[in-house]
């Protein structure tokens, strides 16, 4: 299945579903920040996510319990690849340099990245 990019609202709903692992529309709304969107709005977004292949459901009478079909890891990989190719010409070096210049990476994180690089070199 090809993963498609999510809108901001769809991604917000998916973040909640990944956290819940399964839940009803009301459960999703409960975990959304204030101001809470309308029930019908969340229900519509979840149905769109189902159409896109991100969400599945189990029917219990007239109620539907929803669950993620695409894992958070799968979407993270998709989003990271899109960011890397779309903004940094597939250059991890350019991307890391950007975050360092913007001071989005502190020394502890930079050290952890260097350790990962050293581990990769040892393989």
Protein backbone atom coordinates (compact mmCIF):
# COMPACT_ATOMS: atom_id res chain seq x y z
CA UNK A 1 0.00 0.00 0.00
CA UNK A 2 1.27 3.45 -0.92
CA UNK A 3 1.24 5.89 2.00
CA UNK A 4 -0.20 9.30 1.22
CA UNK A 5 0.53 12.59 2.94
CA UNK A 6 -1.96 13.57 5.64
CA UNK A 7 -3.49 16.96 6.24
CA UNK A 8 -2.74 18.62 9.58
CA UNK A 9 -6.19 17.62 10.92
CA UNK A 10 -5.79 14.02 9.72
CA UNK A 11 -2.35 13.78 11.29
CA UNK A 12 -3.70 15.12 14.59
CA UNK A 13 -6.40 12.41 14.61
CA UNK A 14 -3.83 9.74 13.72
CA UNK A 15 -1.57 10.86 16.57
CA UNK A 16 -4.46 10.23 18.96
CA UNK A 17 -5.34 6.86 17.38
CA UNK A 18 -1.70 5.75 17.59
CA UNK A 19 -1.76 6.69 21.26
CA UNK A 20 -5.09 4.94 21.92
CA UNK A 21 -4.36 1.93 19.66
CA UNK A 22 -8.15 1.59 19.28
CA UNK A 23 -11.11 3.72 20.21
CA UNK A 24 -14.42 5.29 19.37
CA UNK A 25 -14.90 8.83 18.01
CA UNK A 26 -15.69 10.05 21.54
CA UNK A 27 -12.37 8.59 22.82
CA UNK A 28 -10.49 10.48 20.11
CA UNK A 29 -12.28 13.74 20.92
CA UNK A 30 -11.48 13.32 24.62
CA UNK A 31 -7.73 13.37 23.85
CA UNK A 32 -7.82 16.32 21.44
CA UNK A 33 -6.81 19.75 22.76
CA UNK A 34 -9.27 22.56 23.44
CA UNK A 35 -11.26 23.83 21.65
CA UNK A 36 -12.65 20.37 20.92
CA UNK A 37 -13.87 19.85 17.35
CA UNK A 38 -17.45 18.75 16.75
CA UNK A 39 -18.24 15.03 16.85
CA UNK A 40 -19.29 15.08 13.17
CA UNK A 41 -16.02 16.74 12.17
CA UNK A 42 -13.91 14.06 13.87
CA UNK A 43 -16.14 11.30 12.51
CA UNK A 44 -15.76 12.66 8.97
CA UNK A 45 -11.96 12.91 9.27
CA UNK A 46 -11.78 9.33 10.56
CA UNK A 47 -13.89 8.11 7.62
CA UNK A 48 -11.53 9.96 5.24
CA UNK A 49 -8.57 8.27 6.96
CA UNK A 50 -10.34 4.95 6.48
CA UNK A 51 -10.74 5.69 2.77
CA UNK A 52 -7.04 6.53 2.54
CA UNK A 53 -6.18 3.19 4.17
CA UNK A 54 -4.83 4.62 7.45
CA UNK A 55 -7.66 3.46 9.70
CA UNK A 56 -9.81 0.34 10.00
CA UNK A 57 -12.83 -0.33 12.18
CA UNK A 58 -14.69 -3.04 14.03
CA UNK A 59 -18.47 -2.67 14.10
CA UNK A 60 -20.38 -3.17 17.34
CA UNK A 61 -23.98 -2.72 16.28
CA UNK A 62 -24.23 0.88 15.09
CA UNK A 63 -20.97 1.88 16.80
CA UNK A 64 -17.55 1.65 15.22
CA UNK A 65 -14.31 1.16 17.09
CA UNK A 66 -11.42 2.51 15.04
CA UNK A 67 -7.80 1.37 14.95
CA UNK A 68 -4.70 2.43 12.99
CA UNK A 69 -3.80 0.33 9.96
CA UNK A 70 -0.68 2.35 9.19
CA UNK A 71 1.73 2.36 12.14
CA UNK A 72 3.33 5.50 13.50
CA UNK A 73 6.75 4.13 12.44
CA UNK A 74 5.53 3.64 8.86
CA UNK A 75 4.27 7.22 8.68
CA UNK A 76 7.41 8.59 10.36
CA UNK A 77 9.52 6.89 7.68
CA UNK A 78 7.29 8.32 4.94
CA UNK A 79 7.34 11.85 6.43
CA UNK A 80 11.11 11.80 7.04
CA UNK A 81 11.78 10.62 3.47
CA UNK A 82 9.48 13.33 2.11
CA UNK A 83 11.18 16.01 4.24
CA UNK A 84 14.64 14.80 3.24
CA UNK A 85 13.90 14.61 -0.49
CA UNK A 86 11.63 17.65 -0.71
CA UNK A 87 13.72 20.15 1.23
CA UNK A 88 17.27 18.81 1.55
CA UNK A 89 17.97 17.07 -1.80
CA UNK A 90 18.22 13.69 0.00
CA UNK A 91 21.22 14.98 1.96
CA UNK A 92 21.21 14.03 5.63
CA UNK A 93 24.22 16.34 6.03
CA UNK A 94 22.19 19.32 4.74
CA UNK A 95 19.28 18.43 6.98
CA UNK A 96 21.43 18.10 10.11
CA UNK A 97 23.27 21.32 9.25
CA UNK A 98 19.92 23.08 8.96
CA UNK A 99 18.82 21.91 12.40
CA UNK A 100 22.18 22.81 13.94
CA UNK A 101 22.03 26.32 12.43
CA UNK A 102 18.48 26.77 13.72
CA UNK A 103 19.68 25.56 17.14
CA UNK A 104 17.15 22.71 17.12
CA UNK A 105 19.81 20.19 18.15
CA UNK A 106 21.54 20.58 21.50
CA UNK A 107 24.97 19.17 22.39
CA UNK A 108 23.52 16.06 24.04
CA UNK A 109 21.53 15.22 20.89
CA UNK A 110 24.51 15.96 18.65
CA UNK A 111 26.62 13.61 20.77
CA UNK A 112 23.97 10.87 20.47
CA UNK A 113 23.93 11.34 16.67
CA UNK A 114 27.72 11.06 16.55
CA UNK A 115 27.56 7.81 18.57
CA UNK A 116 25.03 6.41 16.10
CA UNK A 117 27.30 7.36 13.20
CA UNK A 118 30.25 5.65 14.91
CA UNK A 119 28.17 2.48 15.40
CA UNK A 120 27.28 2.49 11.70
CA UNK A 121 30.96 2.88 10.77
CA UNK A 122 31.84 -0.16 12.89
CA UNK A 123 29.43 -2.40 10.94
